[in-house]
C-alpha atoms as a PDB file:
ATOM      1  CA  THR A   1     133.794  92.217 129.123  1.00  0.00           C
ATOM      2  CA  GLU A   2     130.176  92.851 128.297  1.00  0.00           C
ATOM      3  CA  MET A   3     129.539  89.251 127.286  1.00  0.00           C
ATOM      4  CA  ASP A   4     130.723  88.211 130.751  1.00  0.00           C
ATOM      5  CA  LYS A   5     128.170  90.624 132.234  1.00  0.00           C
ATOM      6  CA  ILE A   6     125.453  89.025 130.119  1.00  0.00           C
ATOM      7  CA  ARG A   7     126.585  85.527 131.146  1.00  0.00           C
ATOM      8  CA  ILE A   8     126.488  86.485 134.845  1.00  0.00           C
ATOM      9  CA  TYR A   9     123.097  88.130 134.424  1.00  0.00           C
ATOM     10  CA  PHE A  10     121.638  85.001 132.818  1.00  0.00           C
ATOM     11  CA  SER A  11     123.056  82.690 135.457  1.00  0.00           C
ATOM     12  CA  ASN A  12     120.262  83.983 137.733  1.00  0.00           C
ATOM     13  CA  GLU A  13     117.278  81.588 137.774  1.00  0.00           C
ATOM     14  CA  SER A  14     114.626  84.332 137.685  1.00  0.00           C
ATOM     15  CA  THR A  15     116.348  85.884 134.676  1.00  0.00           C
ATOM     16  CA  LYS A  16     116.254  82.541 132.873  1.00  0.00           C
ATOM     17  CA  ASN A  17     112.546  82.216 133.643  1.00  0.00           C
ATOM     18  CA  ASN A  18     111.794  85.765 132.448  1.00  0.00           C
ATOM     19  CA  LEU A  19     113.741  85.257 129.231  1.00  0.00           C
ATOM     20  CA  SER A  20     112.110  81.890 128.638  1.00  0.00           C
ATOM     21  CA  GLY A  21     108.669  83.468 128.988  1.00  0.00           C
ATOM     22  CA  ILE A  22     109.551  86.296 126.609  1.00  0.00           C
ATOM     23  CA  LEU A  23     110.932  83.871 124.011  1.00  0.00           C
ATOM     24  CA  GLN A  24     108.008  81.459 124.231  1.00  0.00           C
ATOM     25  CA  ASN A  25     105.470  84.255 123.913  1.00  0.00           C
ATOM     26  CA  SER A  26     107.297  85.939 121.030  1.00  0.00           C
ATOM     27  CA  PHE A  27     107.985  82.826 118.995  1.00  0.00           C
ATOM     28  CA  THR A  28     104.432  81.553 119.510  1.00  0.00           C
ATOM     29  CA  LYS A  29     103.160  84.804 117.996  1.00  0.00           C
ATOM     30  CA  ILE A  30     105.758  84.703 115.200  1.00  0.00           C
ATOM     31  CA  MET A  31     104.864  81.150 114.211  1.00  0.00           C
ATOM     32  CA  GLU A  32     101.051  81.463 114.542  1.00  0.00           C
ATOM     33  CA  ASP A  33     100.642  81.426 110.768  1.00  0.00           C
ATOM     34  CA  GLY A  34     103.295  78.731 110.260  1.00  0.00           C
ATOM     35  CA  LYS A  35     105.860  80.944 108.550  1.00  0.00           C
ATOM     36  CA  ILE A  36     108.224  83.812 109.206  1.00  0.00           C
ATOM     37  CA  ASP A  37     107.600  86.772 106.938  1.00  0.00           C
ATOM     38  CA  MET A  38     107.280  90.555 106.960  1.00  0.00           C
ATOM     39  CA  ASN A  39     103.986  90.264 108.833  1.00  0.00           C
ATOM     40  CA  ASP A  40     106.053  89.160 111.835  1.00  0.00           C
ATOM     41  CA  ALA A  41     108.116  92.351 111.983  1.00  0.00           C
ATOM     42  CA  ALA A  42     105.998  93.712 114.838  1.00  0.00           C
ATOM     43  CA  HIS A  43     106.532  90.507 116.821  1.00  0.00           C
ATOM     44  CA  PHE A  44     110.308  90.725 116.339  1.00  0.00           C
ATOM     45  CA  MET A  45     110.233  94.356 117.442  1.00  0.00           C
ATOM     46  CA  SER A  46     108.269  93.332 120.541  1.00  0.00           C
ATOM     47  CA  LEU A  47     110.855  90.626 121.235  1.00  0.00           C
ATOM     48  CA  VAL A  48     113.690  93.155 121.086  1.00  0.00           C
ATOM     49  CA  TYR A  49     111.727  95.668 123.177  1.00  0.00           C
ATOM     50  CA  ASP A  50     110.875  93.086 125.860  1.00  0.00           C
ATOM     51  CA  ILE A  51     114.489  91.913 126.188  1.00  0.00           C
ATOM     52  CA  VAL A  52     115.895  95.446 126.292  1.00  0.00           C
ATOM     53  CA  THR A  53     113.258  96.355 128.893  1.00  0.00           C
ATOM     54  CA  MET A  54     114.254  93.296 130.928  1.00  0.00           C
ATOM     55  CA  PHE A  55     117.892  94.456 130.909  1.00  0.00           C
ATOM     56  CA  ASN A  56     116.882  98.011 131.847  1.00  0.00           C
ATOM     57  CA  ASN A  57     114.639  96.841 134.682  1.00  0.00           C
ATOM     58  CA  HIS A  58     117.443  94.692 136.075  1.00  0.00           C
ATOM     59  CA  THR A  59     119.805  97.652 136.166  1.00  0.00           C
ATOM     60  CA  THR A  60     117.164  99.921 137.731  1.00  0.00           C
ATOM     61  CA  ASP A  61     115.868  97.353 140.241  1.00  0.00           C
ATOM     62  CA  ASN A  62     119.321  96.413 141.466  1.00  0.00           C
ATOM     63  CA  ASP A  63     120.508 100.019 141.634  1.00  0.00           C
ATOM     64  CA  ASN A  64     123.760  99.109 139.979  1.00  0.00           C
ATOM     65  CA  GLN A  65     125.774 100.807 137.327  1.00  0.00           C
ATOM     66  CA  THR A  66     126.308  97.753 135.159  1.00  0.00           C
ATOM     67  CA  ASN A  67     125.553  98.893 131.661  1.00  0.00           C
ATOM     68  CA  ILE A  68     125.466  96.708 128.620  1.00  0.00           C
ATOM     69  CA  SER A  69     125.845  98.390 125.254  1.00  0.00           C
ATOM     70  CA  SER A  70     123.153  98.151 122.623  1.00  0.00           C
ATOM     71  CA  ASP A  71     125.680  96.407 120.357  1.00  0.00           C
ATOM     72  CA  SER A  72     126.088  93.598 122.883  1.00  0.00           C
ATOM     73  CA  ILE A  73     122.328  93.244 123.268  1.00  0.00           C
ATOM     74  CA  MET A  74     121.929  93.056 119.492  1.00  0.00           C
ATOM     75  CA  VAL A  75     124.619  90.340 119.281  1.00  0.00           C
ATOM     76  CA  PHE A  76     122.761  88.438 122.009  1.00  0.00           C
ATOM     77  CA  LEU A  77     119.457  88.789 120.119  1.00  0.00           C
ATOM     78  CA  TYR A  78     121.135  87.686 116.899  1.00  0.00           C
ATOM     79  CA  PHE A  79     122.199  84.419 118.536  1.00  0.00           C
ATOM     80  CA  ILE A  80     118.714  83.862 119.963  1.00  0.00           C
ATOM     81  CA  ILE A  81     117.137  84.294 116.538  1.00  0.00           C
ATOM     82  CA  ILE A  82     119.724  81.999 114.914  1.00  0.00           C
ATOM     83  CA  ILE A  83     118.998  79.304 117.515  1.00  0.00           C
ATOM     84  CA  TYR A  84     115.268  79.393 116.833  1.00  0.00           C
ATOM     85  CA  GLU A  85     115.462  79.446 113.029  1.00  0.00           C
END
């Protein structure tokens, strides 16, 4: 299943480091003013863009045909946001 693909992808140490950097950077920017509000919409969009780009680069760099649907990526992002709330 696609969630298994995501799990395998994130078992790689460099992937964990890349994701950690993206999350730290994004949530630092989101929480700069001490609250989450509509002013943070651009930061959330950057978070989504950076993670989707990371998935795309992995597929391109490894010349494989493993595709993960946008629905699965959005579910993944949903859980990340829930964890950090």
